[in-house]
Amino acid sequence: MVPRRVAPPRALASTGWLPGLFAGNASAVAERQALVRHALNHTSETAGAANCTTSYGDGNYLRLASDRRVDGVMLESLILEQPTLDLIPKLVTGLLAHIRTLYAERAALLADPGVTRDDPSLRSFVNVNTPEEYAAAVRGAG
């Protein structure tokens, strides 16, 4: 039997979901290894964080446009394929490093005429930090 050559995929943006798709498939060992190797070779890694960032210059015109989208897709796939991979916590750290948190005082929110008109009780502004708080916020939204 002649071993087949597995060609690595071209771009993580279009193939990042493949390691998760093949995860655990015993008949696709070579493909799984090639996909993970390709992902690792196209990841920027520091001592504490990592990313597979792809820039979308026309991001304002793309659905779900985010320079971190590939990181999230690769994170999910790598968790499914190799849950103990040391790159996983670094990808999480890299993703969390780009989250912007905004804290606004009640008075500042109510100073906005649109907010005052549409939501004077500020019911649409909810601080959510846990899955339970998120579920409660969704239930409260009706």
C-alpha atoms as a PDB file:
ATOM      1  CA  MET A   1       0.000   0.000   0.000  1.00  0.00           C
ATOM      2  CA  VAL A   2       1.326   3.436  -0.962  1.00  0.00           C
ATOM      3  CA  PRO A   3       0.944   6.024   1.798  1.00  0.00           C
ATOM      4  CA  ARG A   4      -1.054   9.007   0.679  1.00  0.00           C
ATOM      5  CA  ARG A   5       0.278  12.491   1.050  1.00  0.00           C
ATOM      6  CA  VAL A   6      -1.863  14.875   3.068  1.00  0.00           C
ATOM      7  CA  ALA A   7      -1.696  18.388   1.690  1.00  0.00           C
ATOM      8  CA  PRO A   8      -2.064  21.020   4.414  1.00  0.00           C
ATOM      9  CA  PRO A   9      -4.922  23.479   4.031  1.00  0.00           C
ATOM     10  CA  ARG A  10      -4.233  26.969   2.762  1.00  0.00           C
ATOM     11  CA  ALA A  11      -5.888  29.379   5.209  1.00  0.00           C
ATOM     12  CA  LEU A  12      -6.980  28.929   8.795  1.00  0.00           C
ATOM     13  CA  ALA A  13      -9.934  31.238   8.176  1.00  0.00           C
ATOM     14  CA  SER A  14     -11.508  28.682   5.881  1.00  0.00           C
ATOM     15  CA  THR A  15     -10.232  25.463   7.452  1.00  0.00           C
ATOM     16  CA  GLY A  16     -10.094  26.144  11.188  1.00  0.00           C
ATOM     17  CA  TRP A  17     -13.183  24.040  11.794  1.00  0.00           C
ATOM     18  CA  LEU A  18     -11.671  20.898  10.215  1.00  0.00           C
ATOM     19  CA  PRO A  19      -9.676  19.629  13.236  1.00  0.00           C
ATOM     20  CA  GLY A  20     -12.898  19.635  15.254  1.00  0.00           C
ATOM     21  CA  LEU A  21     -14.762  17.875  12.466  1.00  0.00           C
ATOM     22  CA  PHE A  22     -12.206  15.063  12.291  1.00  0.00           C
ATOM     23  CA  ALA A  23     -11.560  14.934  16.062  1.00  0.00           C
ATOM     24  CA  GLY A  24     -11.366  11.362  17.273  1.00  0.00           C
ATOM     25  CA  ASN A  25     -11.824   9.872  13.792  1.00  0.00           C
ATOM     26  CA  ALA A  26      -9.472   6.882  13.780  1.00  0.00           C
ATOM     27  CA  SER A  27      -9.519   6.615   9.986  1.00  0.00           C
ATOM     28  CA  ALA A  28      -8.299  10.221   9.591  1.00  0.00           C
ATOM     29  CA  VAL A  29      -5.191  10.183  11.801  1.00  0.00           C
ATOM     30  CA  ALA A  30      -2.882  11.567   9.102  1.00  0.00           C
ATOM     31  CA  GLU A  31      -5.358  14.322   8.200  1.00  0.00           C
ATOM     32  CA  ARG A  32      -5.855  15.248  11.854  1.00  0.00           C
ATOM     33  CA  GLN A  33      -2.106  15.459  12.445  1.00  0.00           C
ATOM     34  CA  ALA A  34      -1.598  17.573   9.312  1.00  0.00           C
ATOM     35  CA  LEU A  35      -4.392  19.965  10.298  1.00  0.00           C
ATOM     36  CA  VAL A  36      -3.115  20.448  13.842  1.00  0.00           C
ATOM     37  CA  ARG A  37       0.468  20.874  12.584  1.00  0.00           C
ATOM     38  CA  HIS A  38      -0.747  23.471  10.070  1.00  0.00           C
ATOM     39  CA  ALA A  39      -2.599  25.334  12.830  1.00  0.00           C
ATOM     40  CA  LEU A  40       0.437  25.282  15.114  1.00  0.00           C
ATOM     41  CA  ASN A  41       2.695  26.508  12.298  1.00  0.00           C
ATOM     42  CA  HIS A  42       0.388  29.448  11.615  1.00  0.00           C
ATOM     43  CA  THR A  43      -0.084  30.590  15.197  1.00  0.00           C
ATOM     44  CA  SER A  44       1.770  33.500  16.768  1.00  0.00           C
ATOM     45  CA  GLU A  45       2.706  32.469  20.279  1.00  0.00           C
ATOM     46  CA  THR A  46       4.302  34.289  23.209  1.00  0.00           C
ATOM     47  CA  ALA A  47       5.057  33.000  26.703  1.00  0.00           C
ATOM     48  CA  GLY A  48       1.515  33.710  27.864  1.00  0.00           C
ATOM     49  CA  ALA A  49      -0.759  34.158  24.859  1.00  0.00           C
ATOM     50  CA  ALA A  50      -1.324  33.025  21.293  1.00  0.00           C
ATOM     51  CA  ASN A  51      -3.391  33.989  18.275  1.00  0.00           C
ATOM     52  CA  CYS A  52      -4.075  32.883  14.723  1.00  0.00           C
ATOM     53  CA  THR A  53      -5.277  36.301  13.772  1.00  0.00           C
ATOM     54  CA  THR A  54      -6.346  36.967  10.246  1.00  0.00           C
ATOM     55  CA  SER A  55      -7.023  40.563   9.333  1.00  0.00           C
ATOM     56  CA  TYR A  56     -10.166  41.383   7.411  1.00  0.00           C
ATOM     57  CA  GLY A  57      -9.508  44.761   5.837  1.00  0.00           C
ATOM     58  CA  ASP A  58     -13.060  44.948   4.540  1.00  0.00           C
ATOM     59  CA  GLY A  59     -14.450  43.770   7.885  1.00  0.00           C
ATOM     60  CA  ASN A  60     -17.100  46.454   7.985  1.00  0.00           C
ATOM     61  CA  TYR A  61     -18.786  44.721   5.074  1.00  0.00           C
ATOM     62  CA  LEU A  62     -18.478  41.104   6.236  1.00  0.00           C
ATOM     63  CA  ARG A  63     -20.888  39.240   8.442  1.00  0.00           C
ATOM     64  CA  LEU A  64     -19.364  38.134  11.710  1.00  0.00           C
ATOM     65  CA  ALA A  65     -16.278  40.182  10.864  1.00  0.00           C
ATOM     66  CA  SER A  66     -13.661  39.990  13.577  1.00  0.00           C
ATOM     67  CA  ASP A  67      -9.912  39.723  13.493  1.00  0.00           C
ATOM     68  CA  ARG A  68     -10.302  37.196  16.344  1.00  0.00           C
ATOM     69  CA  ARG A  69     -12.838  34.955  14.597  1.00  0.00           C
ATOM     70  CA  VAL A  70     -10.184  32.446  13.505  1.00  0.00           C
ATOM     71  CA  ASP A  71      -8.874  32.265  17.083  1.00  0.00           C
ATOM     72  CA  GLY A  72     -12.309  31.232  18.340  1.00  0.00           C
ATOM     73  CA  VAL A  73     -12.827  28.648  15.609  1.00  0.00           C
ATOM     74  CA  MET A  74      -9.357  27.176  16.139  1.00  0.00           C
ATOM     75  CA  LEU A  75      -9.858  27.152  19.904  1.00  0.00           C
ATOM     76  CA  GLU A  76     -13.020  25.084  19.586  1.00  0.00           C
ATOM     77  CA  SER A  77     -11.424  22.679  17.093  1.00  0.00           C
ATOM     78  CA  LEU A  78      -8.275  22.191  19.157  1.00  0.00           C
ATOM     79  CA  ILE A  79     -10.308  21.556  22.320  1.00  0.00           C
ATOM     80  CA  LEU A  80     -12.165  18.807  20.475  1.00  0.00           C
ATOM     81  CA  GLU A  81      -9.035  17.340  18.845  1.00  0.00           C
ATOM     82  CA  GLN A  82      -6.332  17.717  21.524  1.00  0.00           C
ATOM     83  CA  PRO A  83      -7.865  18.991  24.792  1.00  0.00           C
ATOM     84  CA  THR A  84      -4.523  18.905  26.656  1.00  0.00           C
ATOM     85  CA  LEU A  85      -2.618  20.957  24.067  1.00  0.00           C
ATOM     86  CA  ASP A  86      -0.678  23.751  25.800  1.00  0.00           C
ATOM     87  CA  LEU A  87      -1.729  26.182  23.067  1.00  0.00           C
ATOM     88  CA  ILE A  88      -5.377  26.126  24.239  1.00  0.00           C
ATOM     89  CA  PRO A  89      -4.992  28.280  27.397  1.00  0.00           C
ATOM     90  CA  LYS A  90      -2.785  30.657  25.429  1.00  0.00           C
ATOM     91  CA  LEU A  91      -5.491  31.100  22.773  1.00  0.00           C
ATOM     92  CA  VAL A  92      -8.017  31.790  25.541  1.00  0.00           C
ATOM     93  CA  THR A  93      -5.674  34.389  27.051  1.00  0.00           C
ATOM     94  CA  GLY A  94      -5.181  35.969  23.631  1.00  0.00           C
ATOM     95  CA  LEU A  95      -8.922  36.168  23.040  1.00  0.00           C
ATOM     96  CA  LEU A  96      -9.651  37.599  26.483  1.00  0.00           C
ATOM     97  CA  ALA A  97      -6.930  40.227  26.075  1.00  0.00           C
ATOM     98  CA  HIS A  98      -8.984  41.901  23.340  1.00  0.00           C
ATOM     99  CA  ILE A  99     -12.278  42.144  25.206  1.00  0.00           C
ATOM    100  CA  ARG A 100     -13.235  45.711  25.937  1.00  0.00           C
ATOM    101  CA  THR A 101     -15.103  46.308  29.159  1.00  0.00           C
ATOM    102  CA  LEU A 102     -17.094  49.471  29.628  1.00  0.00           C
ATOM    103  CA  TYR A 103     -18.398  50.682  32.924  1.00  0.00           C
ATOM    104  CA  ALA A 104     -20.925  53.501  32.782  1.00  0.00           C
ATOM    105  CA  GLU A 105     -22.612  55.271  35.653  1.00  0.00           C
ATOM    106  CA  ARG A 106     -26.408  55.401  35.661  1.00  0.00           C
ATOM    107  CA  ALA A 107     -26.355  59.202  35.245  1.00  0.00           C
ATOM    108  CA  ALA A 108     -24.094  58.967  32.190  1.00  0.00           C
ATOM    109  CA  LEU A 109     -26.395  56.426  30.554  1.00  0.00           C
ATOM    110  CA  LEU A 110     -29.480  58.513  31.253  1.00  0.00           C
ATOM    111  CA  ALA A 111     -27.745  61.592  29.797  1.00  0.00           C
ATOM    112  CA  ASP A 112     -28.186  59.960  26.388  1.00  0.00           C
ATOM    113  CA  PRO A 113     -31.573  61.100  25.020  1.00  0.00           C
ATOM    114  CA  GLY A 114     -32.092  57.837  23.129  1.00  0.00           C
ATOM    115  CA  VAL A 115     -31.534  55.727  26.241  1.00  0.00           C
ATOM    116  CA  THR A 116     -33.778  58.007  28.300  1.00  0.00           C
ATOM    117  CA  ARG A 117     -36.537  57.740  25.675  1.00  0.00           C
ATOM    118  CA  ASP A 118     -36.279  53.985  24.984  1.00  0.00           C
ATOM    119  CA  ASP A 119     -35.194  52.537  28.334  1.00  0.00           C
ATOM    120  CA  PRO A 120     -35.537  55.024  31.215  1.00  0.00           C
ATOM    121  CA  SER A 121     -35.398  52.216  33.808  1.00  0.00           C
ATOM    122  CA  LEU A 122     -32.200  50.831  32.180  1.00  0.00           C
ATOM    123  CA  ARG A 123     -33.644  47.293  32.086  1.00  0.00           C
ATOM    124  CA  SER A 124     -31.701  46.531  28.883  1.00  0.00           C
ATOM    125  CA  PHE A 125     -28.351  47.145  30.604  1.00  0.00           C
ATOM    126  CA  VAL A 126     -27.413  44.057  32.575  1.00  0.00           C
ATOM    127  CA  ASN A 127     -24.111  43.099  34.149  1.00  0.00           C
ATOM    128  CA  VAL A 128     -23.495  39.474  33.181  1.00  0.00           C
ATOM    129  CA  ASN A 129     -20.477  37.597  34.535  1.00  0.00           C
ATOM    130  CA  THR A 130     -21.599  33.984  34.817  1.00  0.00           C
ATOM    131  CA  PRO A 131     -23.673  31.564  32.743  1.00  0.00           C
ATOM    132  CA  GLU A 132     -26.370  31.752  35.419  1.00  0.00           C
ATOM    133  CA  GLU A 133     -26.508  35.567  35.226  1.00  0.00           C
ATOM    134  CA  TYR A 134     -26.695  35.336  31.438  1.00  0.00           C
ATOM    135  CA  ALA A 135     -29.576  32.834  31.615  1.00  0.00           C
ATOM    136  CA  ALA A 136     -31.411  35.086  34.077  1.00  0.00           C
ATOM    137  CA  ALA A 137     -30.889  38.106  31.797  1.00  0.00           C
ATOM    138  CA  VAL A 138     -32.270  36.209  28.809  1.00  0.00           C
ATOM    139  CA  ARG A 139     -35.300  35.079  30.836  1.00  0.00           C
ATOM    140  CA  GLY A 140     -35.855  38.668  32.003  1.00  0.00           C
ATOM    141  CA  ALA A 141     -35.677  40.024  28.447  1.00  0.00           C
ATOM    142  CA  GLY A 142     -38.924  38.243  27.659  1.00  0.00           C
END
